[in-house]
């Protein structure tokens, strides 16, 4: 179960970066544009990931994934590491979540950095894929002396 503090970092408006690794050990990263908790008791989350990089999509077959979420206003950050339970095409609900979360993220960028939301929308991918993952490890990645500290999932 995720704490209220962690949930606030995972909500709409955060920056989401996905880390993958190939069977040969090659790391690769891309952006995600939405994350939702599917089942808090099993720590299962669904992530809407850019599918524009075929290497990242191929890496999803290894079954391992990491997602880092950062609140652009406060820089509070959390990293989720875990196992991929499924990979599938986005449903209408996933596409709606992508719009909601990305627009909130772009507004946050605009408030903090002054970037026009129209310019930020250029970050949107041409295609997405949805990954459900079971979170096995959780880390506080907020910049400072406790960055990298493991956080209990209980």
N, C-alpha and C. Protein backbone atom coordinates (compact mmCIF):
# COMPACT_ATOMS: atom_id res chain seq x y z
N UNK A 1 0.85 -1.18 0.00
CA UNK A 1 0.00 0.00 0.00
C UNK A 1 0.89 1.24 0.00
N UNK A 2 0.59 2.18 -0.87
CA UNK A 2 1.37 3.41 -0.95
C UNK A 2 0.84 4.43 0.06
N UNK A 3 1.77 5.13 0.71
CA UNK A 3 1.37 6.17 1.68
C UNK A 3 0.74 7.35 0.94
N UNK A 4 0.06 8.20 1.69
CA UNK A 4 -0.54 9.41 1.11
C UNK A 4 0.55 10.29 0.51
N UNK A 5 1.71 10.34 1.15
CA UNK A 5 2.82 11.15 0.64
C UNK A 5 3.28 10.65 -0.73
N UNK A 6 3.46 9.34 -0.86
CA UNK A 6 3.87 8.78 -2.14
C UNK A 6 2.77 8.98 -3.18
N UNK A 7 1.52 8.78 -2.78
CA UNK A 7 0.41 8.97 -3.72
C UNK A 7 0.40 10.39 -4.28
N UNK A 8 0.72 11.37 -3.45
CA UNK A 8 0.71 12.75 -3.93
C UNK A 8 1.77 13.00 -4.99
N UNK A 9 2.85 12.22 -4.96
CA UNK A 9 3.89 12.34 -5.99
C UNK A 9 3.46 11.64 -7.28
N UNK A 10 2.64 10.61 -7.17
CA UNK A 10 2.23 9.84 -8.33
C UNK A 10 1.05 10.45 -9.08
N UNK A 11 0.41 11.44 -8.48
CA UNK A 11 -0.78 12.02 -9.08
C UNK A 11 -0.46 12.84 -10.31
N UNK A 12 -1.51 13.26 -11.02
CA UNK A 12 -1.37 14.06 -12.24
C UNK A 12 -0.50 15.28 -11.99
N UNK A 13 0.29 15.60 -13.00
CA UNK A 13 1.13 16.79 -12.92
C UNK A 13 2.59 16.49 -12.64
N UNK A 14 2.92 15.23 -12.44
CA UNK A 14 4.31 14.88 -12.17
C UNK A 14 5.03 14.49 -13.45
N UNK A 15 6.35 14.62 -13.40
CA UNK A 15 7.20 14.15 -14.48
C UNK A 15 7.41 12.66 -14.26
N UNK A 16 7.27 11.87 -15.32
CA UNK A 16 7.43 10.42 -15.23
C UNK A 16 8.51 9.96 -16.21
N UNK A 17 9.53 9.31 -15.69
CA UNK A 17 10.60 8.76 -16.50
C UNK A 17 10.62 7.24 -16.27
N UNK A 18 10.72 6.50 -17.35
CA UNK A 18 10.71 5.04 -17.29
C UNK A 18 12.09 4.52 -17.66
N UNK A 19 12.61 3.61 -16.86
CA UNK A 19 13.87 2.96 -17.14
C UNK A 19 13.62 1.50 -17.49
N UNK A 20 14.27 1.05 -18.56
CA UNK A 20 14.18 -0.35 -18.98
C UNK A 20 15.58 -0.89 -19.19
N UNK A 21 15.65 -2.19 -19.35
CA UNK A 21 16.94 -2.82 -19.63
C UNK A 21 16.71 -3.96 -20.61
N UNK A 22 17.63 -4.09 -21.57
CA UNK A 22 17.54 -5.17 -22.54
C UNK A 22 18.10 -6.46 -22.00
N UNK A 23 17.92 -7.52 -22.74
CA UNK A 23 18.46 -8.82 -22.32
C UNK A 23 19.98 -8.82 -22.27
N UNK A 24 20.59 -7.89 -23.02
CA UNK A 24 22.04 -7.76 -23.03
C UNK A 24 22.55 -6.80 -21.96
N UNK A 25 21.63 -6.27 -21.13
CA UNK A 25 22.01 -5.36 -20.05
C UNK A 25 21.99 -3.90 -20.45
N UNK A 26 21.67 -3.60 -21.72
CA UNK A 26 21.63 -2.21 -22.18
C UNK A 26 20.48 -1.45 -21.51
N UNK A 27 20.79 -0.35 -20.81
CA UNK A 27 19.72 0.46 -20.22
C UNK A 27 19.13 1.42 -21.25
N UNK A 28 17.88 1.79 -21.04
CA UNK A 28 17.23 2.75 -21.93
C UNK A 28 16.15 3.46 -21.11
N UNK A 29 15.93 4.73 -21.44
CA UNK A 29 14.90 5.50 -20.72
C UNK A 29 13.99 6.21 -21.70
N UNK A 30 12.78 6.47 -21.26
CA UNK A 30 11.81 7.23 -22.03
C UNK A 30 10.86 7.90 -21.05
N UNK A 31 9.94 8.66 -21.59
CA UNK A 31 8.93 9.33 -20.76
C UNK A 31 7.68 8.48 -20.67
N UNK A 32 6.99 8.66 -19.55
CA UNK A 32 5.62 8.16 -19.41
C UNK A 32 4.75 9.39 -19.22
N UNK A 33 3.46 9.25 -19.50
CA UNK A 33 2.59 10.41 -19.47
C UNK A 33 1.40 10.24 -18.54
N UNK A 34 1.29 9.11 -17.88
CA UNK A 34 0.25 8.91 -16.88
C UNK A 34 0.59 7.67 -16.07
N UNK A 35 0.17 7.69 -14.82
CA UNK A 35 0.36 6.55 -13.93
C UNK A 35 -0.86 6.51 -13.02
N UNK A 36 -1.39 5.33 -12.84
CA UNK A 36 -2.52 5.18 -11.93
C UNK A 36 -2.33 3.90 -11.12
N UNK A 37 -2.76 3.92 -9.89
CA UNK A 37 -2.70 2.74 -9.03
C UNK A 37 -3.91 1.87 -9.37
N UNK A 38 -3.63 0.64 -9.80
CA UNK A 38 -4.69 -0.30 -10.15
C UNK A 38 -5.18 -1.02 -8.91
N UNK A 39 -4.24 -1.44 -8.06
CA UNK A 39 -4.58 -2.17 -6.84
C UNK A 39 -3.52 -1.86 -5.78
N UNK A 40 -3.90 -1.07 -4.80
CA UNK A 40 -2.98 -0.67 -3.75
C UNK A 40 -2.55 -1.79 -2.84
N UNK A 41 -3.36 -2.83 -2.71
CA UNK A 41 -2.99 -3.93 -1.82
C UNK A 41 -1.92 -4.82 -2.43
N UNK A 42 -1.86 -4.88 -3.75
CA UNK A 42 -0.82 -5.68 -4.42
C UNK A 42 0.25 -4.78 -5.05
N UNK A 43 0.15 -3.47 -4.81
CA UNK A 43 1.10 -2.50 -5.35
C UNK A 43 1.21 -2.60 -6.87
N UNK A 44 0.06 -2.73 -7.51
CA UNK A 44 -0.01 -2.83 -8.97
C UNK A 44 -0.38 -1.46 -9.55
N UNK A 45 0.44 -0.98 -10.48
CA UNK A 45 0.19 0.31 -11.13
C UNK A 45 0.16 0.13 -12.64
N UNK A 46 -0.53 1.05 -13.30
CA UNK A 46 -0.60 1.06 -14.77
C UNK A 46 0.06 2.35 -15.25
N UNK A 47 0.97 2.21 -16.21
CA UNK A 47 1.75 3.34 -16.68
C UNK A 47 1.55 3.47 -18.19
N UNK A 48 1.23 4.69 -18.64
CA UNK A 48 1.09 4.97 -20.07
C UNK A 48 2.44 5.52 -20.55
N UNK A 49 3.13 4.72 -21.36
CA UNK A 49 4.52 4.97 -21.74
C UNK A 49 4.61 5.32 -23.22
N UNK A 50 5.53 6.22 -23.55
CA UNK A 50 5.82 6.51 -24.96
C UNK A 50 6.30 5.24 -25.63
N UNK A 51 5.70 4.96 -26.79
CA UNK A 51 6.13 3.80 -27.59
C UNK A 51 6.90 4.24 -28.83
N UNK A 52 7.36 5.49 -28.82
CA UNK A 52 8.07 6.02 -29.98
C UNK A 52 9.47 5.43 -30.16
N UNK A 53 10.04 4.85 -29.12
CA UNK A 53 11.36 4.24 -29.19
C UNK A 53 11.19 2.72 -29.22
N UNK A 54 11.41 2.08 -30.36
CA UNK A 54 11.21 0.63 -30.44
C UNK A 54 12.14 -0.17 -29.53
N UNK A 55 13.29 0.39 -29.18
CA UNK A 55 14.21 -0.31 -28.27
C UNK A 55 13.58 -0.41 -26.89
N UNK A 56 12.97 0.67 -26.41
CA UNK A 56 12.29 0.64 -25.11
C UNK A 56 11.17 -0.40 -25.14
N UNK A 57 10.38 -0.39 -26.20
CA UNK A 57 9.27 -1.35 -26.30
C UNK A 57 9.80 -2.77 -26.28
N UNK A 58 10.90 -3.01 -26.97
CA UNK A 58 11.52 -4.35 -26.96
C UNK A 58 12.01 -4.71 -25.56
N UNK A 59 12.59 -3.75 -24.87
CA UNK A 59 13.09 -4.00 -23.51
C UNK A 59 11.98 -4.41 -22.55
N UNK A 60 10.74 -4.02 -22.82
CA UNK A 60 9.65 -4.38 -21.93
C UNK A 60 9.47 -5.90 -21.83
N UNK A 61 10.00 -6.62 -22.80
CA UNK A 61 9.90 -8.08 -22.79
C UNK A 61 10.77 -8.72 -21.71
N UNK A 62 11.72 -7.96 -21.15
CA UNK A 62 12.58 -8.54 -20.10
C UNK A 62 11.84 -8.70 -18.79
N UNK A 63 10.73 -7.97 -18.64
CA UNK A 63 9.92 -8.12 -17.44
C UNK A 63 10.30 -7.22 -16.29
N UNK A 64 11.32 -6.39 -16.43
CA UNK A 64 11.75 -5.49 -15.36
C UNK A 64 11.56 -4.05 -15.80
N UNK A 65 11.20 -3.17 -14.84
CA UNK A 65 10.94 -1.78 -15.17
C UNK A 65 11.13 -0.92 -13.93
N UNK A 66 11.51 0.32 -14.14
CA UNK A 66 11.58 1.31 -13.06
C UNK A 66 10.87 2.57 -13.55
N UNK A 67 10.14 3.20 -12.67
CA UNK A 67 9.46 4.46 -12.99
C UNK A 67 9.79 5.47 -11.91
N UNK A 68 10.29 6.62 -12.32
CA UNK A 68 10.58 7.69 -11.39
C UNK A 68 9.56 8.80 -11.62
N UNK A 69 8.90 9.20 -10.54
CA UNK A 69 7.91 10.28 -10.58
C UNK A 69 8.46 11.45 -9.77
N UNK A 70 8.38 12.65 -10.35
CA UNK A 70 8.88 13.84 -9.67
C UNK A 70 7.86 14.97 -9.79
N UNK A 71 7.55 15.58 -8.66
CA UNK A 71 6.67 16.74 -8.64
C UNK A 71 7.50 17.94 -9.09
N UNK A 72 7.16 18.53 -10.23
CA UNK A 72 7.98 19.61 -10.78
C UNK A 72 7.94 20.87 -9.93
N UNK A 73 6.94 21.01 -9.07
CA UNK A 73 6.85 22.20 -8.22
C UNK A 73 7.76 22.09 -7.00
N UNK A 74 7.89 20.89 -6.44
CA UNK A 74 8.62 20.72 -5.18
C UNK A 74 9.89 19.88 -5.32
N UNK A 75 10.02 19.16 -6.43
CA UNK A 75 11.10 18.21 -6.71
C UNK A 75 11.04 16.96 -5.83
N UNK A 76 9.95 16.80 -5.06
CA UNK A 76 9.77 15.54 -4.34
C UNK A 76 9.67 14.42 -5.37
N UNK A 77 10.41 13.34 -5.14
CA UNK A 77 10.49 12.28 -6.14
C UNK A 77 10.43 10.90 -5.49
N UNK A 78 9.88 9.97 -6.23
CA UNK A 78 9.83 8.58 -5.79
C UNK A 78 10.15 7.69 -6.98
N UNK A 79 10.85 6.60 -6.71
CA UNK A 79 11.14 5.63 -7.77
C UNK A 79 10.51 4.30 -7.42
N UNK A 80 9.79 3.75 -8.40
CA UNK A 80 9.16 2.45 -8.27
C UNK A 80 9.95 1.46 -9.12
N UNK A 81 10.30 0.33 -8.55
CA UNK A 81 10.98 -0.72 -9.32
C UNK A 81 10.15 -1.98 -9.20
N UNK A 82 10.04 -2.70 -10.31
CA UNK A 82 9.24 -3.90 -10.21
C UNK A 82 9.21 -4.75 -11.45
N UNK A 83 8.19 -5.63 -11.45
CA UNK A 83 8.00 -6.63 -12.50
C UNK A 83 6.85 -6.21 -13.40
N UNK A 84 7.01 -6.44 -14.67
CA UNK A 84 5.95 -6.16 -15.63
C UNK A 84 4.95 -7.31 -15.59
N UNK A 85 3.69 -6.98 -15.33
CA UNK A 85 2.63 -7.98 -15.31
C UNK A 85 1.97 -8.11 -16.68
N UNK A 86 1.88 -6.99 -17.40
CA UNK A 86 1.29 -7.03 -18.74
C UNK A 86 1.70 -5.80 -19.53
N UNK A 87 1.68 -5.96 -20.84
CA UNK A 87 1.93 -4.87 -21.78
C UNK A 87 0.81 -4.95 -22.81
N UNK A 88 0.10 -3.83 -23.01
CA UNK A 88 -0.97 -3.85 -24.00
C UNK A 88 -1.20 -2.48 -24.60
N UNK A 89 -2.05 -2.46 -25.59
CA UNK A 89 -2.41 -1.21 -26.26
C UNK A 89 -3.28 -0.38 -25.31
N UNK A 90 -3.24 0.93 -25.47
CA UNK A 90 -4.05 1.78 -24.60
C UNK A 90 -5.55 1.67 -24.90
N UNK A 91 -6.34 1.66 -23.85
CA UNK A 91 -7.79 1.74 -23.98
C UNK A 91 -8.19 3.21 -23.98
N UNK A 92 -9.44 3.49 -24.24
CA UNK A 92 -9.92 4.88 -24.23
C UNK A 92 -9.64 5.54 -22.88
N UNK A 93 -9.81 4.79 -21.79
CA UNK A 93 -9.56 5.34 -20.45
C UNK A 93 -8.09 5.73 -20.29
N UNK A 94 -7.18 4.94 -20.86
CA UNK A 94 -5.75 5.26 -20.79
C UNK A 94 -5.45 6.55 -21.56
N UNK A 95 -6.05 6.69 -22.72
CA UNK A 95 -5.84 7.91 -23.52
C UNK A 95 -6.39 9.14 -22.81
N UNK A 96 -7.53 8.99 -22.16
CA UNK A 96 -8.11 10.11 -21.40
C UNK A 96 -7.21 10.46 -20.22
N UNK A 97 -6.66 9.45 -19.55
CA UNK A 97 -5.74 9.68 -18.44
C UNK A 97 -4.48 10.37 -18.92
N UNK A 98 -3.99 9.98 -20.09
CA UNK A 98 -2.81 10.62 -20.67
C UNK A 98 -3.07 12.11 -20.86
N UNK A 99 -4.21 12.46 -21.41
CA UNK A 99 -4.55 13.88 -21.63
C UNK A 99 -4.62 14.62 -20.29
N UNK A 100 -5.32 14.04 -19.33
CA UNK A 100 -5.47 14.69 -18.02
C UNK A 100 -4.12 14.90 -17.34
N UNK A 101 -3.33 13.85 -17.27
CA UNK A 101 -2.05 13.93 -16.57
C UNK A 101 -1.05 14.82 -17.30
N UNK A 102 -0.97 14.69 -18.63
CA UNK A 102 0.01 15.49 -19.35
C UNK A 102 -0.35 16.97 -19.31
N UNK A 103 -1.62 17.30 -19.43
CA UNK A 103 -2.01 18.72 -19.37
C UNK A 103 -1.69 19.31 -17.99
N UNK A 104 -1.90 18.53 -16.95
CA UNK A 104 -1.56 18.98 -15.60
C UNK A 104 -0.05 19.16 -15.46
N UNK A 105 0.71 18.24 -16.02
CA UNK A 105 2.17 18.33 -16.03
C UNK A 105 2.64 19.57 -16.79
N UNK A 106 2.07 19.81 -17.96
CA UNK A 106 2.47 20.96 -18.77
C UNK A 106 2.12 22.28 -18.08
N UNK A 107 0.98 22.31 -17.39
CA UNK A 107 0.62 23.53 -16.63
C UNK A 107 1.62 23.77 -15.50
N UNK A 108 2.03 22.70 -14.83
CA UNK A 108 3.01 22.83 -13.75
C UNK A 108 4.33 23.37 -14.29
N UNK A 109 4.77 22.85 -15.44
CA UNK A 109 6.00 23.35 -16.06
C UNK A 109 5.85 24.84 -16.36
N UNK A 110 4.71 25.22 -16.91
CA UNK A 110 4.47 26.62 -17.25
C UNK A 110 4.53 27.52 -16.02
N UNK A 111 3.92 27.05 -14.92
CA UNK A 111 3.92 27.83 -13.68
C UNK A 111 5.32 28.01 -13.12
N UNK A 112 6.13 26.97 -13.19
CA UNK A 112 7.47 26.99 -12.60
C UNK A 112 8.50 27.65 -13.52
N UNK A 113 8.50 27.24 -14.78
CA UNK A 113 9.54 27.69 -15.71
C UNK A 113 9.08 28.74 -16.71
N UNK A 114 7.79 28.96 -16.82
CA UNK A 114 7.28 29.93 -17.76
C UNK A 114 7.17 29.44 -19.19
N UNK A 115 7.41 28.15 -19.42
CA UNK A 115 7.29 27.60 -20.78
C UNK A 115 5.82 27.56 -21.19
N UNK A 116 5.57 27.97 -22.42
CA UNK A 116 4.22 27.93 -22.96
C UNK A 116 3.75 26.48 -23.04
N UNK A 117 2.53 26.22 -22.61
CA UNK A 117 1.96 24.87 -22.64
C UNK A 117 1.97 24.31 -24.06
N UNK A 118 1.75 25.16 -25.03
CA UNK A 118 1.75 24.72 -26.43
C UNK A 118 3.11 24.13 -26.81
N UNK A 119 4.17 24.74 -26.34
CA UNK A 119 5.52 24.24 -26.62
C UNK A 119 5.73 22.90 -25.91
N UNK A 120 5.30 22.80 -24.66
CA UNK A 120 5.47 21.56 -23.90
C UNK A 120 4.72 20.40 -24.53
N UNK A 121 3.62 20.67 -25.17
CA UNK A 121 2.84 19.59 -25.80
C UNK A 121 3.65 18.87 -26.89
N UNK A 122 4.72 19.48 -27.34
CA UNK A 122 5.56 18.82 -28.33
C UNK A 122 6.25 17.58 -27.75
N UNK A 123 6.24 17.45 -26.43
CA UNK A 123 6.79 16.27 -25.78
C UNK A 123 5.89 15.04 -25.95
N UNK A 124 4.62 15.26 -26.28
CA UNK A 124 3.69 14.13 -26.39
C UNK A 124 4.17 13.14 -27.45
N UNK A 125 4.06 11.85 -27.15
CA UNK A 125 4.51 10.83 -28.10
C UNK A 125 3.51 10.64 -29.24
N UNK A 126 3.99 10.05 -30.31
CA UNK A 126 3.11 9.69 -31.43
C UNK A 126 2.28 8.46 -31.07
N UNK A 127 2.87 7.58 -30.26
CA UNK A 127 2.18 6.35 -29.87
C UNK A 127 2.53 6.01 -28.43
N UNK A 128 1.66 5.26 -27.79
CA UNK A 128 1.90 4.84 -26.41
C UNK A 128 1.59 3.36 -26.25
N UNK A 129 2.13 2.81 -25.20
CA UNK A 129 1.85 1.44 -24.79
C UNK A 129 1.58 1.49 -23.29
N UNK A 130 0.75 0.58 -22.82
CA UNK A 130 0.41 0.56 -21.39
C UNK A 130 1.06 -0.64 -20.72
N UNK A 131 1.67 -0.37 -19.59
CA UNK A 131 2.35 -1.41 -18.82
C UNK A 131 1.72 -1.47 -17.44
N UNK A 132 1.33 -2.65 -17.03
CA UNK A 132 0.95 -2.85 -15.64
C UNK A 132 2.14 -3.50 -14.96
N UNK A 133 2.53 -2.90 -13.85
CA UNK A 133 3.69 -3.41 -13.12
C UNK A 133 3.32 -3.67 -11.68
N UNK A 134 3.99 -4.61 -11.08
CA UNK A 134 3.87 -4.89 -9.65
C UNK A 134 5.11 -4.30 -9.01
N UNK A 135 4.90 -3.34 -8.14
CA UNK A 135 6.00 -2.63 -7.51
C UNK A 135 6.58 -3.49 -6.39
N UNK A 136 7.86 -3.82 -6.52
CA UNK A 136 8.57 -4.61 -5.52
C UNK A 136 9.42 -3.74 -4.60
N UNK A 137 9.88 -2.60 -5.14
CA UNK A 137 10.76 -1.71 -4.38
C UNK A 137 10.31 -0.27 -4.59
N UNK A 138 10.46 0.53 -3.53
CA UNK A 138 10.09 1.94 -3.57
C UNK A 138 11.22 2.73 -2.91
N UNK A 139 11.62 3.83 -3.58
CA UNK A 139 12.71 4.65 -3.07
C UNK A 139 12.30 6.12 -3.07
N UNK A 140 12.78 6.83 -2.06
CA UNK A 140 12.64 8.29 -2.01
C UNK A 140 13.79 8.84 -2.83
N UNK A 141 13.48 9.54 -3.91
CA UNK A 141 14.53 10.10 -4.77
C UNK A 141 14.56 11.63 -4.71
N UNK A 142 13.89 12.19 -3.70
CA UNK A 142 13.90 13.64 -3.54
C UNK A 142 15.33 14.10 -3.33
N UNK A 143 15.78 15.11 -4.08
CA UNK A 143 17.15 15.60 -3.90
C UNK A 143 17.43 15.97 -2.44
N UNK A 144 18.59 15.58 -1.98
CA UNK A 144 19.00 15.87 -0.60
C UNK A 144 19.68 14.68 0.02
N UNK A 145 19.95 14.77 1.33
CA UNK A 145 20.74 13.73 1.99
C UNK A 145 20.05 12.37 2.09
N UNK A 146 18.73 12.30 1.93
CA UNK A 146 18.05 11.01 2.02
C UNK A 146 17.70 10.43 0.65
N UNK A 147 18.15 11.06 -0.43
CA UNK A 147 17.86 10.54 -1.77
C UNK A 147 18.40 9.13 -1.90
N UNK A 148 17.58 8.25 -2.46
CA UNK A 148 17.97 6.86 -2.62
C UNK A 148 17.55 5.96 -1.47
N UNK A 149 16.95 6.55 -0.45
CA UNK A 149 16.52 5.77 0.73
C UNK A 149 15.33 4.89 0.36
N UNK A 150 15.42 3.62 0.74
CA UNK A 150 14.31 2.69 0.51
C UNK A 150 13.14 3.10 1.41
N UNK A 151 11.93 2.96 0.85
CA UNK A 151 10.71 3.29 1.56
C UNK A 151 9.89 2.01 1.66
N UNK A 152 9.28 1.77 2.81
CA UNK A 152 8.48 0.57 3.00
C UNK A 152 7.21 0.62 2.15
N UNK A 153 6.87 -0.52 1.57
CA UNK A 153 5.63 -0.63 0.80
C UNK A 153 4.46 -1.05 1.68
N UNK A 154 4.73 -1.38 2.91
CA UNK A 154 3.65 -1.87 3.81
C UNK A 154 2.71 -0.78 4.22
